[in-house]
PDB file of N, CA and C in Angstrom:
ATOM      1  N   UNK A   1       0.538  -1.156   0.344  1.00  0.00           N
ATOM      2  CA  UNK A   1       0.026   0.066  -0.354  1.00  0.00           C
ATOM      3  C   UNK A   1       0.983   1.057   0.124  1.00  0.00           C
ATOM      4  N   UNK A   2       0.625   2.338  -1.137  1.00  0.00           N
ATOM      5  CA  UNK A   2       1.514   3.350  -1.200  1.00  0.00           C
ATOM      6  C   UNK A   2       0.800   4.330   0.051  1.00  0.00           C
ATOM      7  N   UNK A   3       1.460   5.179   0.392  1.00  0.00           N
ATOM      8  CA  UNK A   3       0.971   6.679   0.699  1.00  0.00           C
ATOM      9  C   UNK A   3       2.058   7.954   0.678  1.00  0.00           C
ATOM     10  N   UNK A   4       1.685   8.755   0.839  1.00  0.00           N
ATOM     11  CA  UNK A   4       2.162  10.349   0.153  1.00  0.00           C
ATOM     12  C   UNK A   4       1.857  11.409   1.592  1.00  0.00           C
ATOM     13  N   UNK A   5       2.985  11.767   2.237  1.00  0.00           N
ATOM     14  CA  UNK A   5       2.597  12.412   3.289  1.00  0.00           C
ATOM     15  C   UNK A   5       3.382  13.326   3.590  1.00  0.00           C
ATOM     16  N   UNK A   6       3.180  14.936   4.683  1.00  0.00           N
ATOM     17  CA  UNK A   6       4.369  15.488   4.601  1.00  0.00           C
ATOM     18  C   UNK A   6       4.972  15.399   6.004  1.00  0.00           C
ATOM     19  N   UNK A   7       5.975  15.219   6.686  1.00  0.00           N
ATOM     20  CA  UNK A   7       6.242  14.821   7.872  1.00  0.00           C
ATOM     21  C   UNK A   7       7.441  15.663   8.280  1.00  0.00           C
ATOM     22  N   UNK A   8       7.297  15.984   9.738  1.00  0.00           N
ATOM     23  CA  UNK A   8       9.038  17.087  10.060  1.00  0.00           C
ATOM     24  C   UNK A   8      10.294  16.190  10.480  1.00  0.00           C
ATOM     25  N   UNK A   9      11.158  16.778  10.208  1.00  0.00           N
ATOM     26  CA  UNK A   9      12.546  15.987  10.589  1.00  0.00           C
ATOM     27  C   UNK A   9      13.172  16.193  11.923  1.00  0.00           C
ATOM     28  N   UNK A  10      12.841  15.072  12.451  1.00  0.00           N
ATOM     29  CA  UNK A  10      13.032  15.052  14.197  1.00  0.00           C
ATOM     30  C   UNK A  10      14.397  14.738  14.387  1.00  0.00           C
ATOM     31  N   UNK A  11      15.526  15.483  15.370  1.00  0.00           N
ATOM     32  CA  UNK A  11      16.955  14.404  15.933  1.00  0.00           C
ATOM     33  C   UNK A  11      16.618  14.212  17.064  1.00  0.00           C
ATOM     34  N   UNK A  12      17.056  13.367  17.503  1.00  0.00           N
ATOM     35  CA  UNK A  12      17.105  12.291  18.716  1.00  0.00           C
ATOM     36  C   UNK A  12      18.886  12.357  19.306  1.00  0.00           C
ATOM     37  N   UNK A  13      18.769  12.914  20.485  1.00  0.00           N
ATOM     38  CA  UNK A  13      20.451  13.141  20.550  1.00  0.00           C
ATOM     39  C   UNK A  13      20.624  12.319  21.860  1.00  0.00           C
ATOM     40  N   UNK A  14      20.678  10.772  21.494  1.00  0.00           N
ATOM     41  CA  UNK A  14      21.469   9.976  22.407  1.00  0.00           C
ATOM     42  C   UNK A  14      22.575   9.976  22.290  1.00  0.00           C
ATOM     43  N   UNK A  15      23.363   8.861  22.680  1.00  0.00           N
ATOM     44  CA  UNK A  15      24.933   8.979  22.275  1.00  0.00           C
ATOM     45  C   UNK A  15      25.513   9.511  20.973  1.00  0.00           C
ATOM     46  N   UNK A  16      24.509   9.297  20.075  1.00  0.00           N
ATOM     47  CA  UNK A  16      24.985   9.915  18.713  1.00  0.00           C
ATOM     48  C   UNK A  16      24.033  10.595  18.191  1.00  0.00           C
ATOM     49  N   UNK A  17      23.954  11.507  17.319  1.00  0.00           N
ATOM     50  CA  UNK A  17      22.340  11.804  16.880  1.00  0.00           C
ATOM     51  C   UNK A  17      21.544  11.042  15.872  1.00  0.00           C
ATOM     52  N   UNK A  18      20.408  10.923  15.622  1.00  0.00           N
ATOM     53  CA  UNK A  18      19.821   9.873  14.519  1.00  0.00           C
ATOM     54  C   UNK A  18      18.865  11.246  14.484  1.00  0.00           C
ATOM     55  N   UNK A  19      18.396  10.552  13.133  1.00  0.00           N
ATOM     56  CA  UNK A  19      17.423  11.292  12.284  1.00  0.00           C
ATOM     57  C   UNK A  19      16.415  11.045  12.168  1.00  0.00           C
ATOM     58  N   UNK A  20      14.948  11.482  12.270  1.00  0.00           N
ATOM     59  CA  UNK A  20      13.800  10.511  12.360  1.00  0.00           C
ATOM     60  C   UNK A  20      12.484  11.270  11.408  1.00  0.00           C
ATOM     61  N   UNK A  21      11.695  11.113  10.313  1.00  0.00           N
ATOM     62  CA  UNK A  21      10.465  11.878   9.960  1.00  0.00           C
ATOM     63  C   UNK A  21       9.511  11.398  10.609  1.00  0.00           C
ATOM     64  N   UNK A  22       9.090  12.053  11.514  1.00  0.00           N
ATOM     65  CA  UNK A  22       7.886  11.978  12.202  1.00  0.00           C
ATOM     66  C   UNK A  22       6.680  11.653  11.036  1.00  0.00           C
ATOM     67  N   UNK A  23       5.916  10.478  10.985  1.00  0.00           N
ATOM     68  CA  UNK A  23       5.127  10.402  10.347  1.00  0.00           C
ATOM     69  C   UNK A  23       3.586  10.599  10.917  1.00  0.00           C
ATOM     70  N   UNK A  24       2.446  11.378  10.252  1.00  0.00           N
ATOM     71  CA  UNK A  24       1.655  12.020  10.852  1.00  0.00           C
ATOM     72  C   UNK A  24       0.722  11.181  11.191  1.00  0.00           C
ATOM     73  N   UNK A  25      -0.529  11.319  12.586  1.00  0.00           N
ATOM     74  CA  UNK A  25      -1.372  10.529  13.247  1.00  0.00           C
ATOM     75  C   UNK A  25      -1.887   9.713  12.498  1.00  0.00           C
ATOM     76  N   UNK A  26      -2.435  10.657  11.612  1.00  0.00           N
ATOM     77  CA  UNK A  26      -3.752   9.673  10.880  1.00  0.00           C
ATOM     78  C   UNK A  26      -3.251   8.674   9.603  1.00  0.00           C
ATOM     79  N   UNK A  27      -1.589   9.066   9.333  1.00  0.00           N
ATOM     80  CA  UNK A  27      -1.250   8.423   8.551  1.00  0.00           C
ATOM     81  C   UNK A  27      -0.720   7.185   8.806  1.00  0.00           C
ATOM     82  N   UNK A  28      -0.147   7.320  10.380  1.00  0.00           N
ATOM     83  CA  UNK A  28       0.219   6.349  11.207  1.00  0.00           C
ATOM     84  C   UNK A  28      -0.505   5.033  11.552  1.00  0.00           C
ATOM     85  N   UNK A  29      -1.915   5.484  11.477  1.00  0.00           N
ATOM     86  CA  UNK A  29      -3.096   4.854  12.000  1.00  0.00           C
ATOM     87  C   UNK A  29      -3.206   3.688  10.888  1.00  0.00           C
ATOM     88  N   UNK A  30      -3.254   4.380   9.453  1.00  0.00           N
ATOM     89  CA  UNK A  30      -3.410   3.884   8.358  1.00  0.00           C
ATOM     90  C   UNK A  30      -2.409   3.099   8.222  1.00  0.00           C
ATOM     91  N   UNK A  31      -1.268   3.114   7.962  1.00  0.00           N
ATOM     92  CA  UNK A  31      -0.418   2.192   8.384  1.00  0.00           C
ATOM     93  C   UNK A  31      -0.086   1.143   9.159  1.00  0.00           C
ATOM     94  N   UNK A  32      -0.452   1.169  10.124  1.00  0.00           N
ATOM     95  CA  UNK A  32      -0.972   0.373  11.252  1.00  0.00           C
ATOM     96  C   UNK A  32      -1.181  -0.924  10.975  1.00  0.00           C
ATOM     97  N   UNK A  33      -2.600  -0.228  10.184  1.00  0.00           N
ATOM     98  CA  UNK A  33      -3.928  -1.287   9.483  1.00  0.00           C
ATOM     99  C   UNK A  33      -3.225  -2.059   8.032  1.00  0.00           C
ATOM    100  N   UNK A  34      -2.476  -1.202   7.419  1.00  0.00           N
ATOM    101  CA  UNK A  34      -1.853  -1.871   6.317  1.00  0.00           C
ATOM    102  C   UNK A  34      -1.072  -2.833   6.488  1.00  0.00           C
ATOM    103  N   UNK A  35      -0.178  -2.751   7.762  1.00  0.00           N
ATOM    104  CA  UNK A  35       0.409  -3.122   7.992  1.00  0.00           C
ATOM    105  C   UNK A  35       0.730  -4.454   8.703  1.00  0.00           C
ATOM    106  N   UNK A  36      -0.493  -4.893   9.233  1.00  0.00           N
ATOM    107  CA  UNK A  36      -0.927  -6.116  10.230  1.00  0.00           C
ATOM    108  C   UNK A  36      -0.343  -7.522   9.278  1.00  0.00           C
ATOM    109  N   UNK A  37       0.410  -7.998  10.018  1.00  0.00           N
ATOM    110  CA  UNK A  37       0.873  -9.567   9.498  1.00  0.00           C
ATOM    111  C   UNK A  37       2.453  -9.389   8.617  1.00  0.00           C
ATOM    112  N   UNK A  38       2.954  -8.319   8.669  1.00  0.00           N
ATOM    113  CA  UNK A  38       4.091  -8.178   7.961  1.00  0.00           C
ATOM    114  C   UNK A  38       5.075  -7.656   9.143  1.00  0.00           C
ATOM    115  N   UNK A  39       4.760  -6.885  10.427  1.00  0.00           N
ATOM    116  CA  UNK A  39       5.402  -6.273  10.879  1.00  0.00           C
ATOM    117  C   UNK A  39       5.784  -6.718  12.106  1.00  0.00           C
ATOM    118  N   UNK A  40       7.307  -6.710  12.194  1.00  0.00           N
ATOM    119  CA  UNK A  40       8.188  -7.974  13.331  1.00  0.00           C
ATOM    120  C   UNK A  40       8.956  -6.722  14.376  1.00  0.00           C
ATOM    121  N   UNK A  41       8.234  -7.483  15.417  1.00  0.00           N
ATOM    122  CA  UNK A  41       8.727  -6.379  16.751  1.00  0.00           C
ATOM    123  C   UNK A  41       8.374  -4.921  16.738  1.00  0.00           C
ATOM    124  N   UNK A  42       6.985  -4.911  16.309  1.00  0.00           N
ATOM    125  CA  UNK A  42       6.551  -3.275  15.848  1.00  0.00           C
ATOM    126  C   UNK A  42       7.338  -2.348  15.043  1.00  0.00           C
ATOM    127  N   UNK A  43       8.416  -2.957  14.240  1.00  0.00           N
ATOM    128  CA  UNK A  43       8.920  -2.220  13.179  1.00  0.00           C
ATOM    129  C   UNK A  43       7.961  -2.941  11.760  1.00  0.00           C
ATOM    130  N   UNK A  44       7.663  -2.295  10.642  1.00  0.00           N
ATOM    131  CA  UNK A  44       7.073  -2.318   9.446  1.00  0.00           C
ATOM    132  C   UNK A  44       7.913  -2.158   8.200  1.00  0.00           C
ATOM    133  N   UNK A  45       8.406  -2.960   7.561  1.00  0.00           N
ATOM    134  CA  UNK A  45       9.851  -2.929   6.320  1.00  0.00           C
ATOM    135  C   UNK A  45       8.904  -2.086   5.176  1.00  0.00           C
ATOM    136  N   UNK A  46       9.490  -1.022   5.108  1.00  0.00           N
ATOM    137  CA  UNK A  46       8.868  -0.106   3.749  1.00  0.00           C
ATOM    138  C   UNK A  46       9.948   0.712   2.524  1.00  0.00           C
ATOM    139  N   UNK A  47       9.653   0.809   1.610  1.00  0.00           N
ATOM    140  CA  UNK A  47      10.466   1.605   0.837  1.00  0.00           C
ATOM    141  C   UNK A  47       9.752   3.022   0.921  1.00  0.00           C
ATOM    142  N   UNK A  48      11.010   4.185   1.017  1.00  0.00           N
ATOM    143  CA  UNK A  48      11.035   5.011   1.038  1.00  0.00           C
ATOM    144  C   UNK A  48      11.401   6.437  -0.093  1.00  0.00           C
ATOM    145  N   UNK A  49      10.802   7.319  -0.184  1.00  0.00           N
ATOM    146  CA  UNK A  49      11.049   8.311  -1.285  1.00  0.00           C
ATOM    147  C   UNK A  49      10.862   9.333  -1.068  1.00  0.00           C
ATOM    148  N   UNK A  50      12.015  10.178  -0.749  1.00  0.00           N
ATOM    149  CA  UNK A  50      12.141  11.301  -0.739  1.00  0.00           C
ATOM    150  C   UNK A  50      12.976  12.806  -1.572  1.00  0.00           C
ATOM    151  N   UNK A  51      12.932  13.247  -2.327  1.00  0.00           N
ATOM    152  CA  UNK A  51      13.196  14.313  -2.952  1.00  0.00           C
ATOM    153  C   UNK A  51      13.414  12.798  -3.944  1.00  0.00           C
ATOM    154  N   UNK A  52      14.771  12.860  -4.359  1.00  0.00           N
ATOM    155  CA  UNK A  52      15.079  12.345  -6.056  1.00  0.00           C
ATOM    156  C   UNK A  52      15.509  10.911  -5.352  1.00  0.00           C
ATOM    157  N   UNK A  53      15.691  10.518  -3.783  1.00  0.00           N
ATOM    158  CA  UNK A  53      16.188   9.173  -3.363  1.00  0.00           C
ATOM    159  C   UNK A  53      15.223   8.428  -2.929  1.00  0.00           C
ATOM    160  N   UNK A  54      15.210   7.230  -3.328  1.00  0.00           N
ATOM    161  CA  UNK A  54      14.545   5.859  -2.752  1.00  0.00           C
ATOM    162  C   UNK A  54      15.649   5.000  -1.667  1.00  0.00           C
ATOM    163  N   UNK A  55      14.939   4.210  -0.799  1.00  0.00           N
ATOM    164  CA  UNK A  55      15.527   3.700   0.081  1.00  0.00           C
ATOM    165  C   UNK A  55      14.979   2.370   0.739  1.00  0.00           C
ATOM    166  N   UNK A  56      15.733   1.734   1.276  1.00  0.00           N
ATOM    167  CA  UNK A  56      14.539   0.518   2.067  1.00  0.00           C
ATOM    168  C   UNK A  56      14.970   0.995   3.525  1.00  0.00           C
ATOM    169  N   UNK A  57      13.692   0.962   4.647  1.00  0.00           N
ATOM    170  CA  UNK A  57      14.117   0.810   5.690  1.00  0.00           C
ATOM    171  C   UNK A  57      13.207   0.536   7.138  1.00  0.00           C
ATOM    172  N   UNK A  58      12.909   0.096   7.940  1.00  0.00           N
ATOM    173  CA  UNK A  58      11.743   0.111   8.506  1.00  0.00           C
ATOM    174  C   UNK A  58      11.449   0.754   9.359  1.00  0.00           C
ATOM    175  N   UNK A  59      10.004   1.164   9.560  1.00  0.00           N
ATOM    176  CA  UNK A  59       9.377   2.108  10.457  1.00  0.00           C
ATOM    177  C   UNK A  59       9.382   1.550  11.833  1.00  0.00           C
ATOM    178  N   UNK A  60       9.544   3.004  13.118  1.00  0.00           N
ATOM    179  CA  UNK A  60       9.612   2.436  14.135  1.00  0.00           C
ATOM    180  C   UNK A  60       8.499   2.898  15.121  1.00  0.00           C
ATOM    181  N   UNK A  61       7.938   2.375  15.785  1.00  0.00           N
ATOM    182  CA  UNK A  61       7.050   3.025  16.031  1.00  0.00           C
ATOM    183  C   UNK A  61       6.942   3.805  17.531  1.00  0.00           C
ATOM    184  N   UNK A  62       6.409   5.048  18.107  1.00  0.00           N
ATOM    185  CA  UNK A  62       7.315   5.811  18.878  1.00  0.00           C
ATOM    186  C   UNK A  62       5.131   6.830  19.058  1.00  0.00           C
ATOM    187  N   UNK A  63       5.254   6.657  20.475  1.00  0.00           N
ATOM    188  CA  UNK A  63       3.841   7.657  21.194  1.00  0.00           C
ATOM    189  C   UNK A  63       2.905   7.519  20.258  1.00  0.00           C
ATOM    190  N   UNK A  64       2.730   6.193  19.657  1.00  0.00           N
ATOM    191  CA  UNK A  64       1.271   6.255  18.628  1.00  0.00           C
ATOM    192  C   UNK A  64       1.487   6.486  17.262  1.00  0.00           C
ATOM    193  N   UNK A  65       2.656   6.846  17.181  1.00  0.00           N
ATOM    194  CA  UNK A  65       2.925   7.057  15.567  1.00  0.00           C
ATOM    195  C   UNK A  65       4.357   6.103  14.974  1.00  0.00           C
ATOM    196  N   UNK A  66       4.232   6.182  13.713  1.00  0.00           N
ATOM    197  CA  UNK A  66       5.745   5.784  13.484  1.00  0.00           C
ATOM    198  C   UNK A  66       6.250   6.404  12.671  1.00  0.00           C
ATOM    199  N   UNK A  67       7.820   6.557  13.110  1.00  0.00           N
ATOM    200  CA  UNK A  67       8.938   7.104  12.484  1.00  0.00           C
ATOM    201  C   UNK A  67      10.067   6.541  11.141  1.00  0.00           C
ATOM    202  N   UNK A  68      10.401   7.340  10.538  1.00  0.00           N
ATOM    203  CA  UNK A  68      11.016   7.243   9.555  1.00  0.00           C
ATOM    204  C   UNK A  68      12.945   6.953   9.722  1.00  0.00           C
ATOM    205  N   UNK A  69      13.531   6.007  10.285  1.00  0.00           N
ATOM    206  CA  UNK A  69      15.023   6.758  10.332  1.00  0.00           C
ATOM    207  C   UNK A  69      15.465   6.821   9.061  1.00  0.00           C
ATOM    208  N   UNK A  70      16.229   8.178   9.507  1.00  0.00           N
ATOM    209  CA  UNK A  70      16.983   8.712   8.034  1.00  0.00           C
ATOM    210  C   UNK A  70      18.315   8.921   8.090  1.00  0.00           C
ATOM    211  N   UNK A  71      19.390   8.066   7.470  1.00  0.00           N
ATOM    212  CA  UNK A  71      20.686   7.540   7.907  1.00  0.00           C
ATOM    213  C   UNK A  71      21.195   8.795   7.303  1.00  0.00           C
ATOM    214  N   UNK A  72      22.347   9.041   7.579  1.00  0.00           N
ATOM    215  CA  UNK A  72      23.272  10.323   6.892  1.00  0.00           C
ATOM    216  C   UNK A  72      23.406  10.571   5.650  1.00  0.00           C
ATOM    217  N   UNK A  73      23.868   8.793   5.017  1.00  0.00           N
ATOM    218  CA  UNK A  73      23.442   8.184   4.063  1.00  0.00           C
ATOM    219  C   UNK A  73      22.955   9.313   3.159  1.00  0.00           C
ATOM    220  N   UNK A  74      21.494   8.992   3.150  1.00  0.00           N
ATOM    221  CA  UNK A  74      20.514   9.466   2.736  1.00  0.00           C
ATOM    222  C   UNK A  74      20.257  11.331   2.654  1.00  0.00           C
ATOM    223  N   UNK A  75      20.406  11.056   4.277  1.00  0.00           N
ATOM    224  CA  UNK A  75      20.165  12.958   4.661  1.00  0.00           C
ATOM    225  C   UNK A  75      21.113  13.598   4.333  1.00  0.00           C
ATOM    226  N   UNK A  76      22.081  13.558   4.266  1.00  0.00           N
ATOM    227  CA  UNK A  76      23.018  14.666   3.969  1.00  0.00           C
ATOM    228  C   UNK A  76      23.178  15.305   2.691  1.00  0.00           C
ATOM    229  N   UNK A  77      23.527  14.226   1.459  1.00  0.00           N
ATOM    230  CA  UNK A  77      23.903  14.388   0.200  1.00  0.00           C
ATOM    231  C   UNK A  77      22.509  15.371  -0.211  1.00  0.00           C
ATOM    232  N   UNK A  78      21.600  15.189   0.207  1.00  0.00           N
ATOM    233  CA  UNK A  78      20.226  15.880   0.037  1.00  0.00           C
ATOM    234  C   UNK A  78      19.581  16.923   0.293  1.00  0.00           C
ATOM    235  N   UNK A  79      20.549  17.163   1.568  1.00  0.00           N
ATOM    236  CA  UNK A  79      19.990  18.541   2.410  1.00  0.00           C
ATOM    237  C   UNK A  79      19.531  18.527   3.422  1.00  0.00           C
ATOM    238  N   UNK A  80      19.225  17.368   3.668  1.00  0.00           N
ATOM    239  CA  UNK A  80      17.593  17.203   4.894  1.00  0.00           C
ATOM    240  C   UNK A  80      18.111  17.917   5.805  1.00  0.00           C
ATOM    241  N   UNK A  81      17.607  18.593   6.741  1.00  0.00           N
ATOM    242  CA  UNK A  81      18.549  19.326   8.353  1.00  0.00           C
ATOM    243  C   UNK A  81      17.352  19.196   9.293  1.00  0.00           C
ATOM    244  N   UNK A  82      17.400  18.717  10.182  1.00  0.00           N
ATOM    245  CA  UNK A  82      16.634  18.975  11.657  1.00  0.00           C
ATOM    246  C   UNK A  82      15.465  20.627  11.567  1.00  0.00           C
ATOM    247  N   UNK A  83      14.223  19.703  11.611  1.00  0.00           N
ATOM    248  CA  UNK A  83      13.229  20.273  12.076  1.00  0.00           C
ATOM    249  C   UNK A  83      12.427  21.095  10.245  1.00  0.00           C
ATOM    250  N   UNK A  84      13.551  20.220   9.427  1.00  0.00           N
ATOM    251  CA  UNK A  84      12.782  20.402   8.196  1.00  0.00           C
ATOM    252  C   UNK A  84      11.469  19.527   8.111  1.00  0.00           C
ATOM    253  N   UNK A  85      10.181  20.240   7.014  1.00  0.00           N
ATOM    254  CA  UNK A  85       9.586  18.860   6.923  1.00  0.00           C
ATOM    255  C   UNK A  85       9.254  18.801   5.137  1.00  0.00           C
ATOM    256  N   UNK A  86       9.548  17.484   5.091  1.00  0.00           N
ATOM    257  CA  UNK A  86       9.810  16.731   3.965  1.00  0.00           C
ATOM    258  C   UNK A  86       8.628  15.875   3.426  1.00  0.00           C
ATOM    259  N   UNK A  87       8.612  15.950   2.250  1.00  0.00           N
ATOM    260  CA  UNK A  87       7.097  15.022   1.452  1.00  0.00           C
ATOM    261  C   UNK A  87       7.850  13.876   1.355  1.00  0.00           C
ATOM    262  N   UNK A  88       7.489  12.903   2.232  1.00  0.00           N
ATOM    263  CA  UNK A  88       7.547  11.294   1.873  1.00  0.00           C
ATOM    264  C   UNK A  88       6.435  10.775   0.749  1.00  0.00           C
ATOM    265  N   UNK A  89       7.138   9.985  -0.192  1.00  0.00           N
ATOM    266  CA  UNK A  89       6.534   8.349  -0.450  1.00  0.00           C
ATOM    267  C   UNK A  89       6.834   7.379   0.426  1.00  0.00           C
ATOM    268  N   UNK A  90       6.072   6.148   0.773  1.00  0.00           N
ATOM    269  CA  UNK A  90       6.067   5.283   1.399  1.00  0.00           C
ATOM    270  C   UNK A  90       5.086   4.226   1.060  1.00  0.00           C
ATOM    271  N   UNK A  91       6.582   3.169   0.639  1.00  0.00           N
ATOM    272  CA  UNK A  91       5.388   1.741   0.165  1.00  0.00           C
ATOM    273  C   UNK A  91       5.843   1.012   1.476  1.00  0.00           C
ATOM    274  N   UNK A  92       4.528   0.483   2.176  1.00  0.00           N
ATOM    275  CA  UNK A  92       4.876  -0.700   2.929  1.00  0.00           C
ATOM    276  C   UNK A  92       4.732  -1.967   2.301  1.00  0.00           C
ATOM    277  N   UNK A  93       5.444  -2.898   3.280  1.00  0.00           N
ATOM    278  CA  UNK A  93       5.593  -3.994   2.911  1.00  0.00           C
ATOM    279  C   UNK A  93       6.869  -4.329   1.630  1.00  0.00           C
ATOM    280  N   UNK A  94       7.162  -3.012   1.227  1.00  0.00           N
ATOM    281  CA  UNK A  94       8.099  -3.210   0.276  1.00  0.00           C
ATOM    282  C   UNK A  94       9.816  -3.369   0.632  1.00  0.00           C
ATOM    283  N   UNK A  95       9.753  -3.116   2.174  1.00  0.00           N
ATOM    284  CA  UNK A  95      11.927  -2.811   2.659  1.00  0.00           C
ATOM    285  C   UNK A  95      12.359  -3.588   2.586  1.00  0.00           C
TER     286      UNK A  95
END
């Protein structure tokens, strides 16, 4: 199932900084339904498109929503910064 939405980039400053796109609440609920039977340990395999970059990852559940992890290998070349809002295309189960 395919989704398109805008989400903010958030930075988590743990032992090393990590970046995520926070998926809106409504889309998170729809993804949860679409992912029934394919999630593992709460994570959902997906294919993500941001700008001209496509990559595979798994969504993380957090506070009733999902987060898309953004590796520096993806984030830095296309200039994505914390607090930026990005448009995301996401295919559930294609991860």
